[in-house]
Amino acid sequence: MTDALKKATLFVKKLDTEGIPVHAAYLFGSYAKGTAGKDSDIDVCIVSPTFGNDYIKEMVALRKISLQIDSKIEPVPFGLHDINDPYSSIASEIHKGGIRLPV
């Protein structure tokens, strides 16, 4: 398991202890593609039944938790419907090559 994958998995576990229900989580972007460089961020999509109402508030909450693990983690909050949005470039990228993380 790569260091980025370990950190992403640790982040997902931390969300549970912080009371954020996680339906699914995905590592995507350069680390999932195997093209990450030393300055690449760790893109992690968090799908939660409590997300989908206030993107900024959800992003800030996730970012505060991610900073406890690694500042390179870039969390993206998704509501349950967002992961299947045919117009979302992030959802499309996740379906094409995202790595599902254990929840």
N, C-alpha and C. Protein backbone atom coordinates (compact mmCIF):
# COMPACT_ATOMS: atom_id res chain seq x y z
N MET A 1 0.85 -1.18 0.00
CA MET A 1 0.00 0.00 0.00
C MET A 1 0.89 1.25 0.00
N THR A 2 0.61 2.17 -0.90
CA THR A 2 1.42 3.38 -0.98
C THR A 2 1.15 4.28 0.22
N ASP A 3 2.06 5.20 0.44
CA ASP A 3 1.92 6.15 1.54
C ASP A 3 0.64 6.98 1.38
N ALA A 4 0.34 7.40 0.16
CA ALA A 4 -0.87 8.20 -0.09
C ALA A 4 -2.12 7.38 0.21
N LEU A 5 -2.12 6.12 -0.18
CA LEU A 5 -3.26 5.25 0.08
C LEU A 5 -3.44 5.03 1.57
N LYS A 6 -2.34 4.87 2.29
CA LYS A 6 -2.41 4.72 3.75
C LYS A 6 -2.98 5.98 4.39
N LYS A 7 -2.52 7.13 3.96
CA LYS A 7 -3.01 8.39 4.53
C LYS A 7 -4.48 8.61 4.21
N ALA A 8 -4.89 8.29 2.99
CA ALA A 8 -6.30 8.43 2.61
C ALA A 8 -7.18 7.50 3.44
N THR A 9 -6.72 6.28 3.65
CA THR A 9 -7.47 5.32 4.47
C THR A 9 -7.55 5.77 5.92
N LEU A 10 -6.47 6.30 6.45
CA LEU A 10 -6.47 6.84 7.81
C LEU A 10 -7.44 8.01 7.92
N PHE A 11 -7.49 8.85 6.92
CA PHE A 11 -8.41 9.98 6.89
C PHE A 11 -9.86 9.50 6.96
N VAL A 12 -10.20 8.49 6.18
CA VAL A 12 -11.56 7.95 6.18
C VAL A 12 -11.91 7.40 7.56
N LYS A 13 -11.00 6.69 8.19
CA LYS A 13 -11.23 6.16 9.54
C LYS A 13 -11.43 7.29 10.54
N LYS A 14 -10.67 8.36 10.38
CA LYS A 14 -10.78 9.51 11.28
C LYS A 14 -12.15 10.17 11.17
N LEU A 15 -12.72 10.19 9.98
CA LEU A 15 -14.04 10.77 9.80
C LEU A 15 -15.08 10.05 10.65
N ASP A 16 -14.96 8.74 10.72
CA ASP A 16 -15.88 7.95 11.54
C ASP A 16 -15.79 8.36 13.00
N THR A 17 -14.58 8.53 13.50
CA THR A 17 -14.42 8.92 14.90
C THR A 17 -14.88 10.35 15.15
N GLU A 18 -14.94 11.16 14.09
CA GLU A 18 -15.41 12.55 14.21
C GLU A 18 -16.92 12.66 13.99
N GLY A 19 -17.58 11.52 13.78
CA GLY A 19 -19.04 11.51 13.65
C GLY A 19 -19.57 11.82 12.26
N ILE A 20 -18.72 11.72 11.25
CA ILE A 20 -19.17 11.95 9.87
C ILE A 20 -19.42 10.59 9.23
N PRO A 21 -20.69 10.27 8.92
CA PRO A 21 -20.97 8.98 8.30
C PRO A 21 -20.45 8.94 6.87
N VAL A 22 -19.74 7.88 6.53
CA VAL A 22 -19.16 7.75 5.19
C VAL A 22 -19.80 6.55 4.50
N HIS A 23 -20.48 6.83 3.40
CA HIS A 23 -21.10 5.77 2.60
C HIS A 23 -20.07 5.11 1.69
N ALA A 24 -19.18 5.94 1.13
CA ALA A 24 -18.11 5.45 0.26
C ALA A 24 -17.00 6.50 0.23
N ALA A 25 -15.80 6.06 -0.11
CA ALA A 25 -14.66 6.97 -0.22
C ALA A 25 -13.75 6.49 -1.34
N TYR A 26 -13.18 7.44 -2.07
CA TYR A 26 -12.35 7.11 -3.22
C TYR A 26 -11.10 7.96 -3.26
N LEU A 27 -9.99 7.33 -3.57
CA LEU A 27 -8.76 8.03 -3.92
C LEU A 27 -8.83 8.22 -5.43
N PHE A 28 -8.62 9.45 -5.90
CA PHE A 28 -8.65 9.70 -7.33
C PHE A 28 -7.55 10.69 -7.69
N GLY A 29 -7.46 11.02 -8.95
CA GLY A 29 -6.43 11.96 -9.37
C GLY A 29 -5.10 11.26 -9.63
N SER A 30 -4.03 12.02 -9.48
CA SER A 30 -2.70 11.52 -9.87
C SER A 30 -2.25 10.30 -9.08
N TYR A 31 -2.61 10.21 -7.81
CA TYR A 31 -2.19 9.03 -7.04
C TYR A 31 -2.92 7.77 -7.51
N ALA A 32 -4.18 7.90 -7.86
CA ALA A 32 -4.92 6.74 -8.37
C ALA A 32 -4.41 6.33 -9.75
N LYS A 33 -3.97 7.32 -10.53
CA LYS A 33 -3.47 7.05 -11.88
C LYS A 33 -2.02 6.57 -11.89
N GLY A 34 -1.33 6.77 -10.77
CA GLY A 34 0.08 6.38 -10.72
C GLY A 34 1.00 7.41 -11.35
N THR A 35 0.52 8.65 -11.45
CA THR A 35 1.32 9.71 -12.07
C THR A 35 1.71 10.81 -11.09
N ALA A 36 1.56 10.56 -9.81
CA ALA A 36 1.83 11.59 -8.80
C ALA A 36 3.31 11.95 -8.74
N GLY A 37 3.56 13.22 -8.51
CA GLY A 37 4.91 13.71 -8.29
C GLY A 37 5.07 14.09 -6.82
N LYS A 38 6.23 14.61 -6.47
CA LYS A 38 6.49 14.91 -5.05
C LYS A 38 5.59 16.01 -4.51
N ASP A 39 5.07 16.88 -5.37
CA ASP A 39 4.21 17.97 -4.92
C ASP A 39 2.72 17.71 -5.15
N SER A 40 2.37 16.51 -5.56
CA SER A 40 0.97 16.19 -5.84
C SER A 40 0.14 16.15 -4.57
N ASP A 41 -1.11 16.60 -4.69
CA ASP A 41 -2.00 16.46 -3.55
C ASP A 41 -2.65 15.08 -3.59
N ILE A 42 -3.27 14.72 -2.49
CA ILE A 42 -3.92 13.41 -2.35
C ILE A 42 -5.43 13.67 -2.43
N ASP A 43 -6.01 13.44 -3.60
CA ASP A 43 -7.43 13.71 -3.83
C ASP A 43 -8.27 12.57 -3.26
N VAL A 44 -9.19 12.93 -2.34
CA VAL A 44 -10.05 11.94 -1.71
C VAL A 44 -11.49 12.43 -1.77
N CYS A 45 -12.35 11.65 -2.39
CA CYS A 45 -13.78 11.97 -2.44
C CYS A 45 -14.48 11.22 -1.31
N ILE A 46 -15.24 11.96 -0.52
CA ILE A 46 -16.01 11.37 0.57
C ILE A 46 -17.49 11.46 0.22
N VAL A 47 -18.15 10.32 0.12
CA VAL A 47 -19.58 10.27 -0.16
C VAL A 47 -20.29 10.01 1.16
N SER A 48 -21.15 10.96 1.54
CA SER A 48 -21.84 10.86 2.82
C SER A 48 -23.31 11.22 2.66
N PRO A 49 -24.20 10.52 3.39
CA PRO A 49 -25.62 10.87 3.32
C PRO A 49 -25.90 12.25 3.93
N THR A 50 -24.96 12.79 4.68
CA THR A 50 -25.17 14.11 5.28
C THR A 50 -24.65 15.24 4.38
N PHE A 51 -24.01 14.90 3.27
CA PHE A 51 -23.47 15.90 2.35
C PHE A 51 -24.44 16.18 1.21
N GLY A 52 -24.24 17.33 0.60
CA GLY A 52 -25.03 17.69 -0.57
C GLY A 52 -25.88 18.93 -0.36
N ASN A 53 -25.74 19.56 0.81
CA ASN A 53 -26.55 20.74 1.10
C ASN A 53 -25.73 22.03 1.13
N ASP A 54 -24.53 21.98 1.68
CA ASP A 54 -23.69 23.18 1.82
C ASP A 54 -22.24 22.79 1.55
N TYR A 55 -21.85 22.86 0.28
CA TYR A 55 -20.54 22.39 -0.15
C TYR A 55 -19.40 23.04 0.62
N ILE A 56 -19.45 24.34 0.81
CA ILE A 56 -18.37 25.05 1.49
C ILE A 56 -18.24 24.58 2.94
N LYS A 57 -19.35 24.50 3.63
CA LYS A 57 -19.34 24.04 5.03
C LYS A 57 -18.79 22.61 5.13
N GLU A 58 -19.22 21.76 4.21
CA GLU A 58 -18.77 20.37 4.20
C GLU A 58 -17.28 20.28 3.89
N MET A 59 -16.84 21.10 2.94
CA MET A 59 -15.42 21.12 2.56
C MET A 59 -14.56 21.58 3.73
N VAL A 60 -14.99 22.62 4.42
CA VAL A 60 -14.23 23.14 5.56
C VAL A 60 -14.14 22.08 6.66
N ALA A 61 -15.26 21.41 6.94
CA ALA A 61 -15.26 20.37 7.98
C ALA A 61 -14.29 19.24 7.63
N LEU A 62 -14.31 18.80 6.38
CA LEU A 62 -13.39 17.74 5.95
C LEU A 62 -11.94 18.21 5.98
N ARG A 63 -11.72 19.44 5.56
CA ARG A 63 -10.35 19.97 5.51
C ARG A 63 -9.74 20.06 6.90
N LYS A 64 -10.53 20.47 7.88
CA LYS A 64 -10.02 20.56 9.26
C LYS A 64 -9.54 19.19 9.73
N ILE A 65 -10.27 18.16 9.38
CA ILE A 65 -9.91 16.81 9.79
C ILE A 65 -8.71 16.31 8.98
N SER A 66 -8.70 16.60 7.69
CA SER A 66 -7.59 16.12 6.85
C SER A 66 -6.26 16.73 7.27
N LEU A 67 -6.28 17.96 7.74
CA LEU A 67 -5.04 18.62 8.17
C LEU A 67 -4.41 17.93 9.38
N GLN A 68 -5.20 17.17 10.13
CA GLN A 68 -4.67 16.43 11.27
C GLN A 68 -3.81 15.25 10.80
N ILE A 69 -3.98 14.86 9.54
CA ILE A 69 -3.25 13.71 9.00
C ILE A 69 -2.14 14.14 8.05
N ASP A 70 -2.50 14.94 7.04
CA ASP A 70 -1.50 15.41 6.06
C ASP A 70 -2.10 16.58 5.29
N SER A 71 -1.34 17.65 5.17
CA SER A 71 -1.83 18.84 4.47
C SER A 71 -2.01 18.61 2.97
N LYS A 72 -1.47 17.52 2.45
CA LYS A 72 -1.63 17.21 1.03
C LYS A 72 -2.98 16.58 0.70
N ILE A 73 -3.71 16.14 1.72
CA ILE A 73 -5.02 15.54 1.47
C ILE A 73 -5.99 16.65 1.06
N GLU A 74 -6.60 16.48 -0.11
CA GLU A 74 -7.59 17.43 -0.64
C GLU A 74 -8.94 16.71 -0.69
N PRO A 75 -9.76 16.89 0.35
CA PRO A 75 -11.04 16.19 0.38
C PRO A 75 -12.09 16.87 -0.49
N VAL A 76 -12.94 16.06 -1.09
CA VAL A 76 -14.05 16.54 -1.90
C VAL A 76 -15.33 15.90 -1.35
N PRO A 77 -16.26 16.70 -0.81
CA PRO A 77 -17.50 16.14 -0.28
C PRO A 77 -18.52 15.87 -1.39
N PHE A 78 -19.13 14.72 -1.35
CA PHE A 78 -20.19 14.35 -2.29
C PHE A 78 -21.38 13.85 -1.50
N GLY A 79 -22.59 14.27 -1.91
CA GLY A 79 -23.80 13.66 -1.41
C GLY A 79 -24.00 12.32 -2.11
N LEU A 80 -24.95 11.54 -1.66
CA LEU A 80 -25.17 10.21 -2.24
C LEU A 80 -25.46 10.26 -3.74
N HIS A 81 -26.16 11.29 -4.19
CA HIS A 81 -26.52 11.39 -5.61
C HIS A 81 -25.36 11.90 -6.47
N ASP A 82 -24.41 12.62 -5.87
CA ASP A 82 -23.33 13.25 -6.63
C ASP A 82 -22.42 12.25 -7.34
N ILE A 83 -22.19 11.11 -6.73
CA ILE A 83 -21.25 10.14 -7.29
C ILE A 83 -21.75 9.58 -8.63
N ASN A 84 -23.04 9.67 -8.88
CA ASN A 84 -23.61 9.17 -10.14
C ASN A 84 -24.06 10.29 -11.07
N ASP A 85 -23.64 11.52 -10.78
CA ASP A 85 -24.01 12.66 -11.61
C ASP A 85 -23.27 12.57 -12.95
N PRO A 86 -23.99 12.41 -14.05
CA PRO A 86 -23.33 12.26 -15.35
C PRO A 86 -22.62 13.53 -15.83
N TYR A 87 -22.89 14.66 -15.19
CA TYR A 87 -22.28 15.93 -15.58
C TYR A 87 -21.10 16.31 -14.70
N SER A 88 -20.78 15.50 -13.71
CA SER A 88 -19.67 15.79 -12.80
C SER A 88 -18.37 15.20 -13.34
N SER A 89 -17.40 16.07 -13.58
CA SER A 89 -16.10 15.57 -14.08
C SER A 89 -15.39 14.75 -13.01
N ILE A 90 -15.59 15.10 -11.74
CA ILE A 90 -14.96 14.33 -10.66
C ILE A 90 -15.58 12.94 -10.57
N ALA A 91 -16.91 12.87 -10.63
CA ALA A 91 -17.58 11.56 -10.59
C ALA A 91 -17.12 10.70 -11.77
N SER A 92 -17.00 11.30 -12.93
CA SER A 92 -16.54 10.57 -14.11
C SER A 92 -15.12 10.04 -13.92
N GLU A 93 -14.25 10.88 -13.37
CA GLU A 93 -12.87 10.46 -13.12
C GLU A 93 -12.81 9.31 -12.11
N ILE A 94 -13.64 9.39 -11.08
CA ILE A 94 -13.68 8.33 -10.06
C ILE A 94 -14.14 7.01 -10.68
N HIS A 95 -15.18 7.06 -11.50
CA HIS A 95 -15.69 5.84 -12.13
C HIS A 95 -14.67 5.23 -13.09
N LYS A 96 -13.88 6.07 -13.73
CA LYS A 96 -12.89 5.57 -14.69
C LYS A 96 -11.65 4.99 -14.03
N GLY A 97 -11.22 5.58 -12.91
CA GLY A 97 -9.95 5.10 -12.35
C GLY A 97 -9.74 5.34 -10.88
N GLY A 98 -10.83 5.65 -10.17
CA GLY A 98 -10.70 5.87 -8.73
C GLY A 98 -10.47 4.57 -7.99
N ILE A 99 -9.86 4.68 -6.84
CA ILE A 99 -9.61 3.51 -5.99
C ILE A 99 -10.54 3.61 -4.79
N ARG A 100 -11.43 2.63 -4.66
CA ARG A 100 -12.37 2.65 -3.53
C ARG A 100 -11.61 2.33 -2.25
N LEU A 101 -11.84 3.15 -1.24
CA LEU A 101 -11.17 2.99 0.05
C LEU A 101 -12.09 2.25 1.02
N PRO A 102 -11.53 1.51 1.96
CA PRO A 102 -12.37 0.83 2.94
C PRO A 102 -13.05 1.84 3.86
N VAL A 103 -14.32 1.58 4.17
CA VAL A 103 -15.06 2.44 5.10
C VAL A 103 -15.53 1.65 6.29
